Amino acid sequence: MSKATAAHKHRTKLHVLRDRLKRATRDAKRGLAGAAERVAAHSAKRAAYRAANP
């Protein structure tokens, strides 16, 4: 895999994780069921990915 391809995969993963967290946060503000759990799960997943890939 070329460096450009690897960088693109990493950047895409970061954006996906960010977007999932944003959607969950928005849903939590609207009071949707299960949104608070999703915020916690997506925050942990994003933090773990950032720690593993600084």
PDB file of N, CA and C in Angstrom:
ATOM      1  N   MET A   1       0.842  -1.167   0.000  1.00  0.00           N
ATOM      2  CA  MET A   1       0.000   0.000   0.000  1.00  0.00           C
ATOM      3  C   MET A   1       0.895   1.239   0.000  1.00  0.00           C
ATOM      4  N   SER A   2       0.579   2.153  -0.881  1.00  0.00           N
ATOM      5  CA  SER A   2       1.389   3.370  -0.947  1.00  0.00           C
ATOM      6  C   SER A   2       1.110   4.264   0.261  1.00  0.00           C
ATOM      7  N   LYS A   3       2.013   5.202   0.488  1.00  0.00           N
ATOM      8  CA  LYS A   3       1.836   6.111   1.618  1.00  0.00           C
ATOM      9  C   LYS A   3       0.591   6.971   1.442  1.00  0.00           C
ATOM     10  N   ALA A   4       0.310   7.361   0.213  1.00  0.00           N
ATOM     11  CA  ALA A   4      -0.866   8.192  -0.041  1.00  0.00           C
ATOM     12  C   ALA A   4      -2.148   7.424   0.274  1.00  0.00           C
ATOM     13  N   THR A   5      -2.184   6.158  -0.094  1.00  0.00           N
ATOM     14  CA  THR A   5      -3.360   5.337   0.175  1.00  0.00           C
ATOM     15  C   THR A   5      -3.542   5.134   1.671  1.00  0.00           C
ATOM     16  N   ALA A   6      -2.459   4.876   2.376  1.00  0.00           N
ATOM     17  CA  ALA A   6      -2.529   4.696   3.827  1.00  0.00           C
ATOM     18  C   ALA A   6      -2.988   5.980   4.511  1.00  0.00           C
ATOM     19  N   ALA A   7      -2.480   7.103   4.056  1.00  0.00           N
ATOM     20  CA  ALA A   7      -2.878   8.386   4.635  1.00  0.00           C
ATOM     21  C   ALA A   7      -4.353   8.657   4.378  1.00  0.00           C
ATOM     22  N   HIS A   8      -4.817   8.312   3.209  1.00  0.00           N
ATOM     23  CA  HIS A   8      -6.228   8.522   2.873  1.00  0.00           C
ATOM     24  C   HIS A   8      -7.127   7.656   3.755  1.00  0.00           C
ATOM     25  N   LYS A   9      -6.731   6.399   3.975  1.00  0.00           N
ATOM     26  CA  LYS A   9      -7.509   5.513   4.837  1.00  0.00           C
ATOM     27  C   LYS A   9      -7.564   6.067   6.264  1.00  0.00           C
ATOM     28  N   HIS A  10      -6.435   6.559   6.760  1.00  0.00           N
ATOM     29  CA  HIS A  10      -6.366   7.105   8.113  1.00  0.00           C
ATOM     30  C   HIS A  10      -7.258   8.346   8.228  1.00  0.00           C
ATOM     31  N   ARG A  11      -7.155   9.239   7.277  1.00  0.00           N
ATOM     32  CA  ARG A  11      -7.940  10.473   7.283  1.00  0.00           C
ATOM     33  C   ARG A  11      -9.435  10.161   7.199  1.00  0.00           C
ATOM     34  N   THR A  12      -9.784   9.202   6.345  1.00  0.00           N
ATOM     35  CA  THR A  12     -11.180   8.810   6.201  1.00  0.00           C
ATOM     36  C   THR A  12     -11.715   8.236   7.500  1.00  0.00           C
ATOM     37  N   LYS A  13     -10.920   7.388   8.145  1.00  0.00           N
ATOM     38  CA  LYS A  13     -11.332   6.789   9.417  1.00  0.00           C
ATOM     39  C   LYS A  13     -11.565   7.870  10.466  1.00  0.00           C
ATOM     40  N   LEU A  14     -10.670   8.865  10.527  1.00  0.00           N
ATOM     41  CA  LEU A  14     -10.835   9.966  11.477  1.00  0.00           C
ATOM     42  C   LEU A  14     -12.136  10.713  11.231  1.00  0.00           C
ATOM     43  N   HIS A  15     -12.448  10.966   9.971  1.00  0.00           N
ATOM     44  CA  HIS A  15     -13.663  11.706   9.637  1.00  0.00           C
ATOM     45  C   HIS A  15     -14.910  10.895   9.962  1.00  0.00           C
ATOM     46  N   VAL A  16     -14.868   9.606   9.707  1.00  0.00           N
ATOM     47  CA  VAL A  16     -16.010   8.748  10.017  1.00  0.00           C
ATOM     48  C   VAL A  16     -16.257   8.731  11.523  1.00  0.00           C
ATOM     49  N   LEU A  17     -15.194   8.561  12.301  1.00  0.00           N
ATOM     50  CA  LEU A  17     -15.333   8.540  13.752  1.00  0.00           C
ATOM     51  C   LEU A  17     -15.850   9.889  14.270  1.00  0.00           C
ATOM     52  N   ARG A  18     -15.357  10.973  13.704  1.00  0.00           N
ATOM     53  CA  ARG A  18     -15.819  12.310  14.101  1.00  0.00           C
ATOM     54  C   ARG A  18     -17.295  12.487  13.770  1.00  0.00           C
ATOM     55  N   ASP A  19     -17.698  12.068  12.583  1.00  0.00           N
ATOM     56  CA  ASP A  19     -19.082  12.247  12.157  1.00  0.00           C
ATOM     57  C   ASP A  19     -20.045  11.420  12.994  1.00  0.00           C
ATOM     58  N   ARG A  20     -19.653  10.191  13.344  1.00  0.00           N
ATOM     59  CA  ARG A  20     -20.518   9.367  14.189  1.00  0.00           C
ATOM     60  C   ARG A  20     -20.719  10.009  15.550  1.00  0.00           C
ATOM     61  N   LEU A  21     -19.645  10.569  16.113  1.00  0.00           N
ATOM     62  CA  LEU A  21     -19.736  11.229  17.404  1.00  0.00           C
ATOM     63  C   LEU A  21     -20.619  12.468  17.311  1.00  0.00           C
ATOM     64  N   LYS A  22     -20.474  13.236  16.236  1.00  0.00           N
ATOM     65  CA  LYS A  22     -21.289  14.438  16.056  1.00  0.00           C
ATOM     66  C   LYS A  22     -22.771  14.089  15.957  1.00  0.00           C
ATOM     67  N   ARG A  23     -23.083  13.039  15.186  1.00  0.00           N
ATOM     68  CA  ARG A  23     -24.486  12.625  15.039  1.00  0.00           C
ATOM     69  C   ARG A  23     -25.065  12.165  16.370  1.00  0.00           C
ATOM     70  N   ALA A  24     -24.275  11.400  17.127  1.00  0.00           N
ATOM     71  CA  ALA A  24     -24.739  10.916  18.423  1.00  0.00           C
ATOM     72  C   ALA A  24     -24.952  12.077  19.394  1.00  0.00           C
ATOM     73  N   THR A  25     -24.055  13.056  19.368  1.00  0.00           N
ATOM     74  CA  THR A  25     -24.189  14.225  20.239  1.00  0.00           C
ATOM     75  C   THR A  25     -25.436  15.010  19.884  1.00  0.00           C
ATOM     76  N   ARG A  26     -25.675  15.189  18.604  1.00  0.00           N
ATOM     77  CA  ARG A  26     -26.866  15.908  18.144  1.00  0.00           C
ATOM     78  C   ARG A  26     -28.133  15.174  18.588  1.00  0.00           C
ATOM     79  N   ASP A  27     -28.128  13.846  18.441  1.00  0.00           N
ATOM     80  CA  ASP A  27     -29.286  13.058  18.853  1.00  0.00           C
ATOM     81  C   ASP A  27     -29.500  13.127  20.360  1.00  0.00           C
ATOM     82  N   ALA A  28     -28.413  13.177  21.125  1.00  0.00           N
ATOM     83  CA  ALA A  28     -28.525  13.285  22.578  1.00  0.00           C
ATOM     84  C   ALA A  28     -29.166  14.616  22.960  1.00  0.00           C
ATOM     85  N   LYS A  29     -28.808  15.684  22.258  1.00  0.00           N
ATOM     86  CA  LYS A  29     -29.414  16.986  22.522  1.00  0.00           C
ATOM     87  C   LYS A  29     -30.906  16.970  22.223  1.00  0.00           C
ATOM     88  N   ARG A  30     -31.301  16.174  21.219  1.00  0.00           N
ATOM     89  CA  ARG A  30     -32.716  16.062  20.858  1.00  0.00           C
ATOM     90  C   ARG A  30     -33.465  15.105  21.766  1.00  0.00           C
ATOM     91  N   GLY A  31     -32.741  14.370  22.613  1.00  0.00           N
ATOM     92  CA  GLY A  31     -33.372  13.478  23.564  1.00  0.00           C
ATOM     93  C   GLY A  31     -33.770  12.129  22.997  1.00  0.00           C
ATOM     94  N   LEU A  32     -33.124  11.682  21.935  1.00  0.00           N
ATOM     95  CA  LEU A  32     -33.456  10.390  21.350  1.00  0.00           C
ATOM     96  C   LEU A  32     -32.966   9.248  22.241  1.00  0.00           C
ATOM     97  N   ALA A  33     -33.711   8.174  22.224  1.00  0.00           N
ATOM     98  CA  ALA A  33     -33.375   7.021  23.069  1.00  0.00           C
ATOM     99  C   ALA A  33     -32.064   6.387  22.614  1.00  0.00           C
ATOM    100  N   GLY A  34     -31.203   6.073  23.575  1.00  0.00           N
ATOM    101  CA  GLY A  34     -29.945   5.403  23.279  1.00  0.00           C
ATOM    102  C   GLY A  34     -28.833   6.314  22.798  1.00  0.00           C
ATOM    103  N   ALA A  35     -29.106   7.586  22.658  1.00  0.00           N
ATOM    104  CA  ALA A  35     -28.100   8.498  22.121  1.00  0.00           C
ATOM    105  C   ALA A  35     -26.940   8.702  23.096  1.00  0.00           C
ATOM    106  N   ALA A  36     -27.238   8.760  24.383  1.00  0.00           N
ATOM    107  CA  ALA A  36     -26.181   8.972  25.374  1.00  0.00           C
ATOM    108  C   ALA A  36     -25.196   7.802  25.364  1.00  0.00           C
ATOM    109  N   GLU A  37     -25.714   6.593  25.207  1.00  0.00           N
ATOM    110  CA  GLU A  37     -24.844   5.421  25.137  1.00  0.00           C
ATOM    111  C   GLU A  37     -23.985   5.463  23.882  1.00  0.00           C
ATOM    112  N   ARG A  38     -24.569   5.922  22.783  1.00  0.00           N
ATOM    113  CA  ARG A  38     -23.812   6.033  21.531  1.00  0.00           C
ATOM    114  C   ARG A  38     -22.708   7.075  21.656  1.00  0.00           C
ATOM    115  N   VAL A  39     -22.993   8.185  22.340  1.00  0.00           N
ATOM    116  CA  VAL A  39     -21.967   9.217  22.544  1.00  0.00           C
ATOM    117  C   VAL A  39     -20.785   8.621  23.300  1.00  0.00           C
ATOM    118  N   ALA A  40     -21.083   7.882  24.365  1.00  0.00           N
ATOM    119  CA  ALA A  40     -20.014   7.275  25.162  1.00  0.00           C
ATOM    120  C   ALA A  40     -19.222   6.263  24.340  1.00  0.00           C
ATOM    121  N   ALA A  41     -19.927   5.434  23.578  1.00  0.00           N
ATOM    122  CA  ALA A  41     -19.259   4.406  22.782  1.00  0.00           C
ATOM    123  C   ALA A  41     -18.393   5.019  21.688  1.00  0.00           C
ATOM    124  N   HIS A  42     -18.934   6.011  20.979  1.00  0.00           N
ATOM    125  CA  HIS A  42     -18.183   6.619  19.884  1.00  0.00           C
ATOM    126  C   HIS A  42     -17.009   7.453  20.407  1.00  0.00           C
ATOM    127  N   SER A  43     -17.178   8.080  21.554  1.00  0.00           N
ATOM    128  CA  SER A  43     -16.072   8.840  22.151  1.00  0.00           C
ATOM    129  C   SER A  43     -14.925   7.908  22.507  1.00  0.00           C
ATOM    130  N   ALA A  44     -15.269   6.767  23.099  1.00  0.00           N
ATOM    131  CA  ALA A  44     -14.237   5.804  23.486  1.00  0.00           C
ATOM    132  C   ALA A  44     -13.539   5.228  22.254  1.00  0.00           C
ATOM    133  N   LYS A  45     -14.307   4.915  21.235  1.00  0.00           N
ATOM    134  CA  LYS A  45     -13.745   4.349  20.006  1.00  0.00           C
ATOM    135  C   LYS A  45     -12.796   5.360  19.345  1.00  0.00           C
ATOM    136  N   ARG A  46     -13.214   6.619  19.314  1.00  0.00           N
ATOM    137  CA  ARG A  46     -12.389   7.663  18.694  1.00  0.00           C
ATOM    138  C   ARG A  46     -11.107   7.891  19.500  1.00  0.00           C
ATOM    139  N   ALA A  47     -11.234   7.920  20.812  1.00  0.00           N
ATOM    140  CA  ALA A  47     -10.059   8.119  21.669  1.00  0.00           C
ATOM    141  C   ALA A  47      -9.085   6.954  21.526  1.00  0.00           C
ATOM    142  N   ALA A  48      -9.609   5.737  21.437  1.00  0.00           N
ATOM    143  CA  ALA A  48      -8.748   4.571  21.282  1.00  0.00           C
ATOM    144  C   ALA A  48      -8.012   4.614  19.942  1.00  0.00           C
ATOM    145  N   TYR A  49      -8.716   5.013  18.889  1.00  0.00           N
ATOM    146  CA  TYR A  49      -8.070   5.090  17.567  1.00  0.00           C
ATOM    147  C   TYR A  49      -6.990   6.167  17.558  1.00  0.00           C
ATOM    148  N   ARG A  50      -7.291   7.318  18.189  1.00  0.00           N
ATOM    149  CA  ARG A  50      -6.296   8.406  18.228  1.00  0.00           C
ATOM    150  C   ARG A  50      -5.069   8.002  19.038  1.00  0.00           C
ATOM    151  N   ALA A  51      -5.280   7.239  20.115  1.00  0.00           N
ATOM    152  CA  ALA A  51      -4.155   6.801  20.934  1.00  0.00           C
ATOM    153  C   ALA A  51      -3.294   5.792  20.181  1.00  0.00           C
ATOM    154  N   ALA A  52      -3.931   4.931  19.406  1.00  0.00           N
ATOM    155  CA  ALA A  52      -3.188   3.915  18.658  1.00  0.00           C
ATOM    156  C   ALA A  52      -2.516   4.484  17.419  1.00  0.00           C
ATOM    157  N   ASN A  53      -3.052   5.601  16.897  1.00  0.00           N
ATOM    158  CA  ASN A  53      -2.512   6.217  15.677  1.00  0.00           C
ATOM    159  C   ASN A  53      -2.297   7.696  15.903  1.00  0.00           C
ATOM    160  N   PRO A  54      -1.222   8.055  16.582  1.00  0.00           N
ATOM    161  CA  PRO A  54      -1.001   9.482  16.909  1.00  0.00           C
ATOM    162  C   PRO A  54      -0.694  10.344  15.694  1.00  0.00           C
TER     163      PRO A  54
END
